[in-house]
């Protein structure tokens, strides 16, 4: 998942930037992303820093460009041609108090692909619509799978490193309590694993092959790792989300969907709005009965999942920052 939304903003009115930037940041946050906004109030500075020694891969990290159409010494049409000459096709939002004149002038230049217009007072609304347009691409099969895999991998890293970094700072009696809990969880995983191995002995050839290929065993369940993290972190950080059922909720909210999306074949229904999960080899088709469809991953569900991932991103980022402060 890319939790960051990057905007390049060019406006030679510093006061307008200062008075509006918080509104734009809130617009990005309302779409469950972290805003990173780079501003230029002098067009020559933008040219020097962004277009000289140009690297398209770096420039294309911008998700959206917003530009005051009435910049001193440059017209919007010229700016578009300059970007297109560098094969930059990032969405551009032009805004102006003189909306009709701006629209007519740019239209005459035949450079309208990926260009949006806004009245100055409606700027955040247009930015929001462009964000939502691009977010729809996030719900394709490859993107939704990458979204949750990338995020949970980062959360796993924070879980592991945070727990280990804070363990040494615990009093000895608390360290013993954590170690006892770890031993309990490892024992549970060992017993479960042994039980699974014992079951294999009684399976027929086909069932044996099927069960073996489908199994994944760990020294400790992922849910239990987060339980240990919560147990340790609560000693240092007061956060109501890190309660006794934190790991159960995390398992239900993210790990279960991650396993569904990561380890199975996904395909769209005929409506192209719902993802179906094929856990076994089958003909990849739905019954086309959208009214009674039982698919768990509609576009709406994917949007909910992104919102959940973002909320955990904020939580883990906060924990990570707090731990850095504790360790320094």
C-alpha atoms as a PDB file:
ATOM      1  CA  UNK A   1       0.000   0.000   0.000  1.00  0.00           C
ATOM      2  CA  UNK A   2       1.112   3.505  -0.692  1.00  0.00           C
ATOM      3  CA  UNK A   3      -0.154   5.366   2.365  1.00  0.00           C
ATOM      4  CA  UNK A   4       1.445   8.589   1.111  1.00  0.00           C
ATOM      5  CA  UNK A   5      -0.197  10.946  -1.364  1.00  0.00           C
ATOM      6  CA  UNK A   6       2.298  13.410  -2.877  1.00  0.00           C
ATOM      7  CA  UNK A   7       1.262  16.744  -4.312  1.00  0.00           C
ATOM      8  CA  UNK A   8       3.349  19.315  -6.169  1.00  0.00           C
ATOM      9  CA  UNK A   9       1.828  22.762  -5.670  1.00  0.00           C
ATOM     10  CA  UNK A  10       2.863  25.899  -7.595  1.00  0.00           C
ATOM     11  CA  UNK A  11       1.407  29.263  -6.555  1.00  0.00           C
ATOM     12  CA  UNK A  12       3.235  32.568  -6.261  1.00  0.00           C
ATOM     13  CA  UNK A  13       0.921  33.718  -3.438  1.00  0.00           C
ATOM     14  CA  UNK A  14       2.547  32.508  -0.210  1.00  0.00           C
ATOM     15  CA  UNK A  15      -0.391  33.765   1.852  1.00  0.00           C
ATOM     16  CA  UNK A  16      -2.837  31.610  -0.128  1.00  0.00           C
ATOM     17  CA  UNK A  17      -0.631  28.539   0.293  1.00  0.00           C
ATOM     18  CA  UNK A  18      -0.358  29.150   4.021  1.00  0.00           C
ATOM     19  CA  UNK A  19      -4.100  29.662   4.444  1.00  0.00           C
ATOM     20  CA  UNK A  20      -5.145  26.684   2.309  1.00  0.00           C
ATOM     21  CA  UNK A  21      -2.544  23.964   2.869  1.00  0.00           C
ATOM     22  CA  UNK A  22      -4.239  22.584   5.982  1.00  0.00           C
ATOM     23  CA  UNK A  23      -7.516  22.188   4.071  1.00  0.00           C
ATOM     24  CA  UNK A  24      -5.732  20.238   1.339  1.00  0.00           C
ATOM     25  CA  UNK A  25      -3.980  18.085   3.933  1.00  0.00           C
ATOM     26  CA  UNK A  26      -7.356  17.317   5.518  1.00  0.00           C
ATOM     27  CA  UNK A  27      -8.743  16.397   2.086  1.00  0.00           C
ATOM     28  CA  UNK A  28      -5.963  13.848   1.570  1.00  0.00           C
ATOM     29  CA  UNK A  29      -6.386  12.463   5.097  1.00  0.00           C
ATOM     30  CA  UNK A  30     -10.127  12.051   4.525  1.00  0.00           C
ATOM     31  CA  UNK A  31      -9.141   9.570   1.792  1.00  0.00           C
ATOM     32  CA  UNK A  32      -7.060   7.590   4.306  1.00  0.00           C
ATOM     33  CA  UNK A  33      -3.648   8.712   3.130  1.00  0.00           C
ATOM     34  CA  UNK A  34      -0.806  10.797   4.515  1.00  0.00           C
ATOM     35  CA  UNK A  35      -0.332  14.100   2.634  1.00  0.00           C
ATOM     36  CA  UNK A  36       3.144  15.125   1.488  1.00  0.00           C
ATOM     37  CA  UNK A  37       2.943  18.513  -0.204  1.00  0.00           C
ATOM     38  CA  UNK A  38       5.859  20.250  -1.905  1.00  0.00           C
ATOM     39  CA  UNK A  39       5.214  23.900  -2.678  1.00  0.00           C
ATOM     40  CA  UNK A  40       6.867  26.473  -4.942  1.00  0.00           C
ATOM     41  CA  UNK A  41       6.056  30.176  -4.919  1.00  0.00           C
ATOM     42  CA  UNK A  42       8.640  31.009  -7.597  1.00  0.00           C
ATOM     43  CA  UNK A  43       8.225  29.272 -10.953  1.00  0.00           C
ATOM     44  CA  UNK A  44      11.945  29.521 -11.739  1.00  0.00           C
ATOM     45  CA  UNK A  45      12.703  27.598  -8.540  1.00  0.00           C
ATOM     46  CA  UNK A  46      10.305  24.848  -9.652  1.00  0.00           C
ATOM     47  CA  UNK A  47      12.021  24.656 -13.034  1.00  0.00           C
ATOM     48  CA  UNK A  48      15.470  24.504 -11.479  1.00  0.00           C
ATOM     49  CA  UNK A  49      14.673  21.943  -8.793  1.00  0.00           C
ATOM     50  CA  UNK A  50      12.205  19.745 -10.662  1.00  0.00           C
ATOM     51  CA  UNK A  51      13.032  19.983 -14.379  1.00  0.00           C
ATOM     52  CA  UNK A  52      16.786  20.517 -14.490  1.00  0.00           C
ATOM     53  CA  UNK A  53      18.593  17.168 -14.094  1.00  0.00           C
ATOM     54  CA  UNK A  54      15.148  15.719 -14.683  1.00  0.00           C
ATOM     55  CA  UNK A  55      14.471  12.137 -13.527  1.00  0.00           C
ATOM     56  CA  UNK A  56      11.070  10.910 -14.684  1.00  0.00           C
ATOM     57  CA  UNK A  57      10.951   8.113 -12.117  1.00  0.00           C
ATOM     58  CA  UNK A  58      11.410  10.622  -9.298  1.00  0.00           C
ATOM     59  CA  UNK A  59       8.993  13.162 -10.756  1.00  0.00           C
ATOM     60  CA  UNK A  60       6.342  10.513 -11.304  1.00  0.00           C
ATOM     61  CA  UNK A  61       6.234   9.937  -7.547  1.00  0.00           C
ATOM     62  CA  UNK A  62       3.924  12.970  -7.492  1.00  0.00           C
ATOM     63  CA  UNK A  63       0.323  11.800  -7.492  1.00  0.00           C
ATOM     64  CA  UNK A  64      -1.130  15.179  -8.418  1.00  0.00           C
ATOM     65  CA  UNK A  65       0.058  18.634  -9.512  1.00  0.00           C
ATOM     66  CA  UNK A  66      -1.931  21.727  -8.529  1.00  0.00           C
ATOM     67  CA  UNK A  67      -1.181  25.064 -10.158  1.00  0.00           C
ATOM     68  CA  UNK A  68      -2.452  28.611  -9.887  1.00  0.00           C
ATOM     69  CA  UNK A  69      -3.284  29.408 -13.493  1.00  0.00           C
ATOM     70  CA  UNK A  70      -2.346  33.082 -13.086  1.00  0.00           C
ATOM     71  CA  UNK A  71       1.319  32.551 -12.282  1.00  0.00           C
ATOM     72  CA  UNK A  72       3.552  35.497 -13.074  1.00  0.00           C
ATOM     73  CA  UNK A  73       5.385  35.117 -16.381  1.00  0.00           C
ATOM     74  CA  UNK A  74       3.918  31.740 -17.392  1.00  0.00           C
ATOM     75  CA  UNK A  75       0.596  30.503 -18.758  1.00  0.00           C
ATOM     76  CA  UNK A  76      -1.026  27.224 -17.912  1.00  0.00           C
ATOM     77  CA  UNK A  77      -0.839  26.114 -21.518  1.00  0.00           C
ATOM     78  CA  UNK A  78       2.938  26.634 -21.509  1.00  0.00           C
ATOM     79  CA  UNK A  79       3.270  24.669 -18.277  1.00  0.00           C
ATOM     80  CA  UNK A  80       1.358  21.714 -19.721  1.00  0.00           C
ATOM     81  CA  UNK A  81       3.494  21.661 -22.869  1.00  0.00           C
ATOM     82  CA  UNK A  82       6.634  21.744 -20.726  1.00  0.00           C
ATOM     83  CA  UNK A  83       5.439  18.746 -18.702  1.00  0.00           C
ATOM     84  CA  UNK A  84       4.282  16.787 -21.738  1.00  0.00           C
ATOM     85  CA  UNK A  85       7.653  17.392 -23.397  1.00  0.00           C
ATOM     86  CA  UNK A  86       9.152  15.441 -20.490  1.00  0.00           C
ATOM     87  CA  UNK A  87       6.530  12.669 -20.933  1.00  0.00           C
ATOM     88  CA  UNK A  88       4.889  13.612 -17.643  1.00  0.00           C
ATOM     89  CA  UNK A  89       1.206  12.688 -17.592  1.00  0.00           C
ATOM     90  CA  UNK A  90       0.475  13.219 -13.907  1.00  0.00           C
ATOM     91  CA  UNK A  91      -2.984  14.695 -13.250  1.00  0.00           C
ATOM     92  CA  UNK A  92      -2.920  18.510 -13.128  1.00  0.00           C
ATOM     93  CA  UNK A  93      -5.481  20.710 -11.389  1.00  0.00           C
ATOM     94  CA  UNK A  94      -5.501  24.340 -12.533  1.00  0.00           C
ATOM     95  CA  UNK A  95      -7.421  26.827 -10.436  1.00  0.00           C
ATOM     96  CA  UNK A  96      -8.314  30.443 -11.005  1.00  0.00           C
ATOM     97  CA  UNK A  97     -10.779  33.113  -9.949  1.00  0.00           C
ATOM     98  CA  UNK A  98     -11.414  33.693 -13.671  1.00  0.00           C
ATOM     99  CA  UNK A  99     -12.627  30.156 -14.364  1.00  0.00           C
ATOM    100  CA  UNK A 100     -14.090  30.568 -17.868  1.00  0.00           C
ATOM    101  CA  UNK A 101     -11.058  32.399 -19.265  1.00  0.00           C
ATOM    102  CA  UNK A 102      -8.719  29.738 -17.881  1.00  0.00           C
ATOM    103  CA  UNK A 103     -10.802  26.901 -19.326  1.00  0.00           C
ATOM    104  CA  UNK A 104     -11.069  28.475 -22.783  1.00  0.00           C
ATOM    105  CA  UNK A 105      -7.360  29.264 -23.022  1.00  0.00           C
ATOM    106  CA  UNK A 106      -6.213  25.751 -22.102  1.00  0.00           C
ATOM    107  CA  UNK A 107      -8.798  24.108 -24.363  1.00  0.00           C
ATOM    108  CA  UNK A 108      -7.364  26.043 -27.276  1.00  0.00           C
ATOM    109  CA  UNK A 109      -4.020  24.382 -26.621  1.00  0.00           C
ATOM    110  CA  UNK A 110      -5.331  20.819 -27.139  1.00  0.00           C
ATOM    111  CA  UNK A 111      -3.522  19.538 -24.040  1.00  0.00           C
ATOM    112  CA  UNK A 112      -6.489  18.383 -21.981  1.00  0.00           C
ATOM    113  CA  UNK A 113      -5.508  14.809 -21.095  1.00  0.00           C
ATOM    114  CA  UNK A 114      -5.271  14.569 -17.323  1.00  0.00           C
ATOM    115  CA  UNK A 115      -6.114  18.259 -16.849  1.00  0.00           C
ATOM    116  CA  UNK A 116      -8.802  19.436 -14.434  1.00  0.00           C
ATOM    117  CA  UNK A 117     -10.133  22.915 -13.744  1.00  0.00           C
ATOM    118  CA  UNK A 118     -11.322  24.472 -10.520  1.00  0.00           C
ATOM    119  CA  UNK A 119     -12.562  27.748  -9.252  1.00  0.00           C
ATOM    120  CA  UNK A 120     -10.333  28.947  -6.453  1.00  0.00           C
ATOM    121  CA  UNK A 121     -13.093  28.494  -3.871  1.00  0.00           C
ATOM    122  CA  UNK A 122     -13.726  24.884  -4.973  1.00  0.00           C
ATOM    123  CA  UNK A 123     -10.101  23.735  -5.083  1.00  0.00           C
ATOM    124  CA  UNK A 124     -10.265  21.133  -2.300  1.00  0.00           C
ATOM    125  CA  UNK A 125     -13.405  19.597  -3.830  1.00  0.00           C
ATOM    126  CA  UNK A 126     -11.715  19.095  -7.212  1.00  0.00           C
ATOM    127  CA  UNK A 127      -8.552  17.732  -5.560  1.00  0.00           C
ATOM    128  CA  UNK A 128     -10.774  15.284  -3.672  1.00  0.00           C
ATOM    129  CA  UNK A 129     -12.481  14.087  -6.866  1.00  0.00           C
ATOM    130  CA  UNK A 130      -9.131  13.513  -8.596  1.00  0.00           C
ATOM    131  CA  UNK A 131      -7.891  11.524  -5.578  1.00  0.00           C
ATOM    132  CA  UNK A 132     -11.030   9.377  -5.592  1.00  0.00           C
ATOM    133  CA  UNK A 133     -10.702   8.813  -9.347  1.00  0.00           C
ATOM    134  CA  UNK A 134      -7.178   7.482  -8.878  1.00  0.00           C
ATOM    135  CA  UNK A 135      -8.078   5.456  -5.804  1.00  0.00           C
ATOM    136  CA  UNK A 136     -10.415   3.311  -7.881  1.00  0.00           C
ATOM    137  CA  UNK A 137      -7.292   1.858  -9.503  1.00  0.00           C
ATOM    138  CA  UNK A 138      -6.112   0.764  -6.054  1.00  0.00           C
ATOM    139  CA  UNK A 139      -8.915  -1.786  -5.906  1.00  0.00           C
ATOM    140  CA  UNK A 140      -7.699  -3.879  -8.806  1.00  0.00           C
ATOM    141  CA  UNK A 141      -6.612  -7.398  -7.869  1.00  0.00           C
ATOM    142  CA  UNK A 142      -2.867  -6.704  -7.968  1.00  0.00           C
ATOM    143  CA  UNK A 143      -3.162  -3.421  -6.094  1.00  0.00           C
ATOM    144  CA  UNK A 144      -5.434  -4.615  -3.308  1.00  0.00           C
ATOM    145  CA  UNK A 145      -3.190  -7.643  -2.797  1.00  0.00           C
ATOM    146  CA  UNK A 146      -0.068  -5.481  -2.731  1.00  0.00           C
ATOM    147  CA  UNK A 147      -1.817  -2.958  -0.494  1.00  0.00           C
ATOM    148  CA  UNK A 148      -2.375  -5.385   2.350  1.00  0.00           C
ATOM    149  CA  UNK A 149       0.816  -7.426   1.894  1.00  0.00           C
ATOM    150  CA  UNK A 150       3.062  -4.373   1.925  1.00  0.00           C
ATOM    151  CA  UNK A 151       1.324  -2.808   4.919  1.00  0.00           C
ATOM    152  CA  UNK A 152       1.205  -5.914   7.109  1.00  0.00           C
ATOM    153  CA  UNK A 153       4.869  -6.637   6.330  1.00  0.00           C
ATOM    154  CA  UNK A 154       5.760  -3.167   7.631  1.00  0.00           C
ATOM    155  CA  UNK A 155       3.563  -3.714  10.694  1.00  0.00           C
ATOM    156  CA  UNK A 156       5.292  -7.059  11.334  1.00  0.00           C
ATOM    157  CA  UNK A 157       8.640  -5.253  11.280  1.00  0.00           C
ATOM    158  CA  UNK A 158       7.443  -2.639  13.789  1.00  0.00           C
ATOM    159  CA  UNK A 159       5.928  -5.355  15.979  1.00  0.00           C
ATOM    160  CA  UNK A 160       9.184  -7.303  16.102  1.00  0.00           C
ATOM    161  CA  UNK A 161      11.656  -4.433  16.488  1.00  0.00           C
ATOM    162  CA  UNK A 162       9.520  -2.509  18.970  1.00  0.00           C
ATOM    163  CA  UNK A 163       9.051  -5.509  21.241  1.00  0.00           C
ATOM    164  CA  UNK A 164      12.745  -6.359  21.218  1.00  0.00           C
ATOM    165  CA  UNK A 165      13.849  -2.749  21.730  1.00  0.00           C
ATOM    166  CA  UNK A 166      11.624  -2.244  24.772  1.00  0.00           C
ATOM    167  CA  UNK A 167      12.105  -5.644  26.376  1.00  0.00           C
ATOM    168  CA  UNK A 168      15.486  -4.687  27.853  1.00  0.00           C
ATOM    169  CA  UNK A 169      13.906  -1.646  29.496  1.00  0.00           C
ATOM    170  CA  UNK A 170      11.318  -3.710  31.378  1.00  0.00           C
ATOM    171  CA  UNK A 171      11.874  -4.472  35.063  1.00  0.00           C
ATOM    172  CA  UNK A 172      13.050  -8.039  35.663  1.00  0.00           C
ATOM    173  CA  UNK A 173       9.675  -9.259  36.980  1.00  0.00           C
ATOM    174  CA  UNK A 174       7.929  -7.952  33.845  1.00  0.00           C
ATOM    175  CA  UNK A 175      10.552  -9.570  31.611  1.00  0.00           C
ATOM    176  CA  UNK A 176       9.824 -12.887  33.358  1.00  0.00           C
ATOM    177  CA  UNK A 177       6.077 -12.389  32.773  1.00  0.00           C
ATOM    178  CA  UNK A 178       6.639 -11.716  29.058  1.00  0.00           C
ATOM    179  CA  UNK A 179       8.965 -14.713  28.720  1.00  0.00           C
ATOM    180  CA  UNK A 180       6.349 -16.953  30.384  1.00  0.00           C
ATOM    181  CA  UNK A 181       3.728 -15.737  27.941  1.00  0.00           C
ATOM    182  CA  UNK A 182       6.056 -16.346  24.988  1.00  0.00           C
ATOM    183  CA  UNK A 183       6.721 -19.867  26.229  1.00  0.00           C
ATOM    184  CA  UNK A 184       2.963 -20.448  26.437  1.00  0.00           C
ATOM    185  CA  UNK A 185       2.396 -19.238  22.886  1.00  0.00           C
ATOM    186  CA  UNK A 186       5.321 -21.247  21.506  1.00  0.00           C
ATOM    187  CA  UNK A 187       3.963 -24.291  23.298  1.00  0.00           C
ATOM    188  CA  UNK A 188       0.551 -23.752  21.715  1.00  0.00           C
ATOM    189  CA  UNK A 189       2.116 -23.484  18.259  1.00  0.00           C
ATOM    190  CA  UNK A 190       4.206 -26.585  18.897  1.00  0.00           C
ATOM    191  CA  UNK A 191       1.168 -28.577  20.042  1.00  0.00           C
ATOM    192  CA  UNK A 192      -0.839 -27.446  17.043  1.00  0.00           C
ATOM    193  CA  UNK A 193       2.006 -28.279  14.710  1.00  0.00           C
ATOM    194  CA  UNK A 194       2.478 -31.707  16.297  1.00  0.00           C
ATOM    195  CA  UNK A 195      -1.245 -32.316  15.987  1.00  0.00           C
ATOM    196  CA  UNK A 196      -1.126 -31.436  12.315  1.00  0.00           C
ATOM    197  CA  UNK A 197       1.821 -33.783  11.753  1.00  0.00           C
ATOM    198  CA  UNK A 198      -0.005 -36.593  13.558  1.00  0.00           C
ATOM    199  CA  UNK A 199      -3.061 -36.071  11.368  1.00  0.00           C
ATOM    200  CA  UNK A 200      -0.932 -36.495   8.244  1.00  0.00           C
ATOM    201  CA  UNK A 201      -0.100 -40.096   9.228  1.00  0.00           C
ATOM    202  CA  UNK A 202      -3.698 -41.191   8.789  1.00  0.00           C
ATOM    203  CA  UNK A 203      -4.360 -39.472   5.470  1.00  0.00           C
ATOM    204  CA  UNK A 204      -4.645 -41.204   2.127  1.00  0.00           C
ATOM    205  CA  UNK A 205      -2.172 -40.354  -0.622  1.00  0.00           C
ATOM    206  CA  UNK A 206      -4.284 -37.589  -2.204  1.00  0.00           C
ATOM    207  CA  UNK A 207      -5.332 -36.109   1.138  1.00  0.00           C
ATOM    208  CA  UNK A 208      -1.733 -36.266   2.351  1.00  0.00           C
ATOM    209  CA  UNK A 209      -0.459 -34.333  -0.648  1.00  0.00           C
ATOM    210  CA  UNK A 210      -3.307 -31.804  -0.403  1.00  0.00           C
ATOM    211  CA  UNK A 211      -2.870 -31.175   3.329  1.00  0.00           C
ATOM    212  CA  UNK A 212       0.908 -30.901   3.056  1.00  0.00           C
ATOM    213  CA  UNK A 213       0.834 -28.388   0.205  1.00  0.00           C
ATOM    214  CA  UNK A 214      -1.788 -26.264   1.964  1.00  0.00           C
ATOM    215  CA  UNK A 215      -0.150 -26.079   5.383  1.00  0.00           C
ATOM    216  CA  UNK A 216       1.954 -23.237   6.797  1.00  0.00           C
ATOM    217  CA  UNK A 217       3.379 -23.627  10.299  1.00  0.00           C
ATOM    218  CA  UNK A 218       5.088 -21.057  12.522  1.00  0.00           C
ATOM    219  CA  UNK A 219       7.025 -21.102  15.794  1.00  0.00           C
ATOM    220  CA  UNK A 220       4.431 -18.630  17.085  1.00  0.00           C
ATOM    221  CA  UNK A 221       1.072 -17.603  15.644  1.00  0.00           C
ATOM    222  CA  UNK A 222       1.054 -14.120  14.141  1.00  0.00           C
ATOM    223  CA  UNK A 223      -1.777 -13.106  16.486  1.00  0.00           C
ATOM    224  CA  UNK A 224       0.335 -14.093  19.494  1.00  0.00           C
ATOM    225  CA  UNK A 225       3.278 -11.983  18.299  1.00  0.00           C
ATOM    226  CA  UNK A 226       1.038  -8.913  18.401  1.00  0.00           C
ATOM    227  CA  UNK A 227      -0.261  -9.922  21.804  1.00  0.00           C
ATOM    228  CA  UNK A 228       3.338  -9.913  23.107  1.00  0.00           C
ATOM    229  CA  UNK A 229       3.979  -6.538  21.477  1.00  0.00           C
ATOM    230  CA  UNK A 230       0.863  -5.104  23.121  1.00  0.00           C
ATOM    231  CA  UNK A 231       1.881  -6.552  26.494  1.00  0.00           C
ATOM    232  CA  UNK A 232       5.320  -4.915  26.293  1.00  0.00           C
ATOM    233  CA  UNK A 233       4.353  -1.591  24.720  1.00  0.00           C
ATOM    234  CA  UNK A 234       1.556  -0.960  27.252  1.00  0.00           C
ATOM    235  CA  UNK A 235       4.236  -0.637  29.916  1.00  0.00           C
ATOM    236  CA  UNK A 236       5.575   2.469  28.186  1.00  0.00           C
ATOM    237  CA  UNK A 237       2.803   3.926  26.021  1.00  0.00           C
ATOM    238  CA  UNK A 238      -0.745   4.705  27.110  1.00  0.00           C
ATOM    239  CA  UNK A 239      -2.940   3.972  24.106  1.00  0.00           C
ATOM    240  CA  UNK A 240      -6.494   2.645  24.546  1.00  0.00           C
ATOM    241  CA  UNK A 241      -6.198   0.655  21.308  1.00  0.00           C
ATOM    242  CA  UNK A 242      -3.473  -1.537  22.828  1.00  0.00           C
ATOM    243  CA  UNK A 243      -5.885  -3.383  25.090  1.00  0.00           C
ATOM    244  CA  UNK A 244      -6.183  -7.094  25.845  1.00  0.00           C
ATOM    245  CA  UNK A 245      -8.097  -7.881  22.646  1.00  0.00           C
ATOM    246  CA  UNK A 246      -5.789  -5.850  20.357  1.00  0.00           C
ATOM    247  CA  UNK A 247      -4.226  -8.921  18.747  1.00  0.00           C
ATOM    248  CA  UNK A 248      -7.636 -10.590  18.212  1.00  0.00           C
ATOM    249  CA  UNK A 249      -8.957  -7.516  16.436  1.00  0.00           C
ATOM    250  CA  UNK A 250      -5.792  -7.194  14.345  1.00  0.00           C
ATOM    251  CA  UNK A 251      -6.091 -10.843  13.343  1.00  0.00           C
ATOM    252  CA  UNK A 252      -9.701 -10.389  12.299  1.00  0.00           C
ATOM    253  CA  UNK A 253      -9.281  -6.982  10.655  1.00  0.00           C
ATOM    254  CA  UNK A 254      -6.073  -7.527   8.666  1.00  0.00           C
ATOM    255  CA  UNK A 255      -4.494 -10.971   8.929  1.00  0.00           C
ATOM    256  CA  UNK A 256      -7.589 -12.889   7.819  1.00  0.00           C
ATOM    257  CA  UNK A 257      -8.147 -10.639   4.755  1.00  0.00           C
ATOM    258  CA  UNK A 258      -4.403 -10.775   4.018  1.00  0.00           C
ATOM    259  CA  UNK A 259      -4.486 -14.564   3.930  1.00  0.00           C
ATOM    260  CA  UNK A 260      -7.599 -14.556   1.746  1.00  0.00           C
ATOM    261  CA  UNK A 261      -6.081 -12.143  -0.749  1.00  0.00           C
ATOM    262  CA  UNK A 262      -2.474 -13.321  -0.674  1.00  0.00           C
ATOM    263  CA  UNK A 263      -2.700 -17.087  -0.862  1.00  0.00           C
ATOM    264  CA  UNK A 264      -5.593 -17.681  -3.246  1.00  0.00           C
ATOM    265  CA  UNK A 265      -6.558 -17.029  -6.832  1.00  0.00           C
ATOM    266  CA  UNK A 266      -8.699 -13.893  -7.193  1.00  0.00           C
ATOM    267  CA  UNK A 267     -10.930 -13.025 -10.108  1.00  0.00           C
ATOM    268  CA  UNK A 268     -13.603 -10.455 -10.913  1.00  0.00           C
ATOM    269  CA  UNK A 269     -17.266 -11.213 -11.357  1.00  0.00           C
ATOM    270  CA  UNK A 270     -18.994 -10.155 -14.549  1.00  0.00           C
ATOM    271  CA  UNK A 271     -19.927  -6.818 -12.981  1.00  0.00           C
ATOM    272  CA  UNK A 272     -16.191  -6.053 -12.452  1.00  0.00           C
ATOM    273  CA  UNK A 273     -17.054  -4.697  -8.989  1.00  0.00           C
ATOM    274  CA  UNK A 274     -16.527  -7.774  -6.840  1.00  0.00           C
ATOM    275  CA  UNK A 275     -13.533 -10.053  -6.281  1.00  0.00           C
ATOM    276  CA  UNK A 276     -14.098 -13.770  -5.970  1.00  0.00           C
ATOM    277  CA  UNK A 277     -11.726 -16.125  -4.165  1.00  0.00           C
ATOM    278  CA  UNK A 278     -10.837 -19.492  -5.689  1.00  0.00           C
ATOM    279  CA  UNK A 279      -9.178 -21.647  -3.018  1.00  0.00           C
ATOM    280  CA  UNK A 280      -9.207 -24.751  -5.210  1.00  0.00           C
ATOM    281  CA  UNK A 281      -8.714 -25.216  -8.923  1.00  0.00           C
ATOM    282  CA  UNK A 282     -11.973 -24.316 -10.577  1.00  0.00           C
ATOM    283  CA  UNK A 283     -13.455 -22.654 -13.593  1.00  0.00           C
ATOM    284  CA  UNK A 284     -13.059 -18.935 -12.960  1.00  0.00           C
ATOM    285  CA  UNK A 285     -16.566 -17.642 -13.409  1.00  0.00           C
ATOM    286  CA  UNK A 286     -19.366 -16.329 -11.239  1.00  0.00           C
ATOM    287  CA  UNK A 287     -23.072 -17.146 -11.540  1.00  0.00           C
ATOM    288  CA  UNK A 288     -23.725 -13.529 -12.622  1.00  0.00           C
ATOM    289  CA  UNK A 289     -26.366 -13.170  -9.913  1.00  0.00           C
ATOM    290  CA  UNK A 290     -25.144  -9.826  -8.576  1.00  0.00           C
ATOM    291  CA  UNK A 291     -28.193  -9.303  -6.371  1.00  0.00           C
ATOM    292  CA  UNK A 292     -27.388 -12.375  -4.241  1.00  0.00           C
ATOM    293  CA  UNK A 293     -23.608 -12.350  -4.668  1.00  0.00           C
ATOM    294  CA  UNK A 294     -21.729 -13.539  -1.570  1.00  0.00           C
ATOM    295  CA  UNK A 295     -18.343 -12.120  -2.568  1.00  0.00           C
ATOM    296  CA  UNK A 296     -16.630 -10.569   0.464  1.00  0.00           C
ATOM    297  CA  UNK A 297     -14.468  -8.147  -1.504  1.00  0.00           C
ATOM    298  CA  UNK A 298     -16.567  -5.623  -3.360  1.00  0.00           C
ATOM    299  CA  UNK A 299     -15.189  -2.171  -4.158  1.00  0.00           C
ATOM    300  CA  UNK A 300     -16.919  -0.928  -1.003  1.00  0.00           C
ATOM    301  CA  UNK A 301     -15.238  -3.665   1.065  1.00  0.00           C
ATOM    302  CA  UNK A 302     -11.865  -2.800  -0.448  1.00  0.00           C
ATOM    303  CA  UNK A 303     -12.439   0.827   0.516  1.00  0.00           C
ATOM    304  CA  UNK A 304     -13.241  -0.270   4.077  1.00  0.00           C
ATOM    305  CA  UNK A 305     -10.106  -2.399   4.094  1.00  0.00           C
ATOM    306  CA  UNK A 306      -7.986   0.533   2.957  1.00  0.00           C
ATOM    307  CA  UNK A 307      -9.485   2.652   5.747  1.00  0.00           C
ATOM    308  CA  UNK A 308      -8.638  -0.052   8.294  1.00  0.00           C
ATOM    309  CA  UNK A 309      -5.082  -0.347   6.990  1.00  0.00           C
ATOM    310  CA  UNK A 310      -4.672   3.418   7.237  1.00  0.00           C
ATOM    311  CA  UNK A 311      -5.926   3.463  10.833  1.00  0.00           C
ATOM    312  CA  UNK A 312      -3.394   0.764  11.756  1.00  0.00           C
ATOM    313  CA  UNK A 313      -0.721   2.667   9.844  1.00  0.00           C
ATOM    314  CA  UNK A 314      -1.357   5.706  12.030  1.00  0.00           C
ATOM    315  CA  UNK A 315      -1.300   3.560  15.174  1.00  0.00           C
ATOM    316  CA  UNK A 316       1.940   1.754  14.332  1.00  0.00           C
ATOM    317  CA  UNK A 317       3.585   4.986  13.167  1.00  0.00           C
ATOM    318  CA  UNK A 318       2.664   6.573  16.491  1.00  0.00           C
ATOM    319  CA  UNK A 319       4.060   3.585  18.399  1.00  0.00           C
ATOM    320  CA  UNK A 320       7.243   3.653  16.341  1.00  0.00           C
ATOM    321  CA  UNK A 321       7.760   7.366  16.966  1.00  0.00           C
ATOM    322  CA  UNK A 322       7.111   6.980  20.697  1.00  0.00           C
ATOM    323  CA  UNK A 323       9.604   4.127  20.931  1.00  0.00           C
ATOM    324  CA  UNK A 324      12.244   6.219  19.147  1.00  0.00           C
ATOM    325  CA  UNK A 325      11.692   8.942  21.741  1.00  0.00           C
ATOM    326  CA  UNK A 326      11.958   6.434  24.585  1.00  0.00           C
ATOM    327  CA  UNK A 327      15.225   5.025  23.240  1.00  0.00           C
ATOM    328  CA  UNK A 328      16.895   8.415  22.743  1.00  0.00           C
END
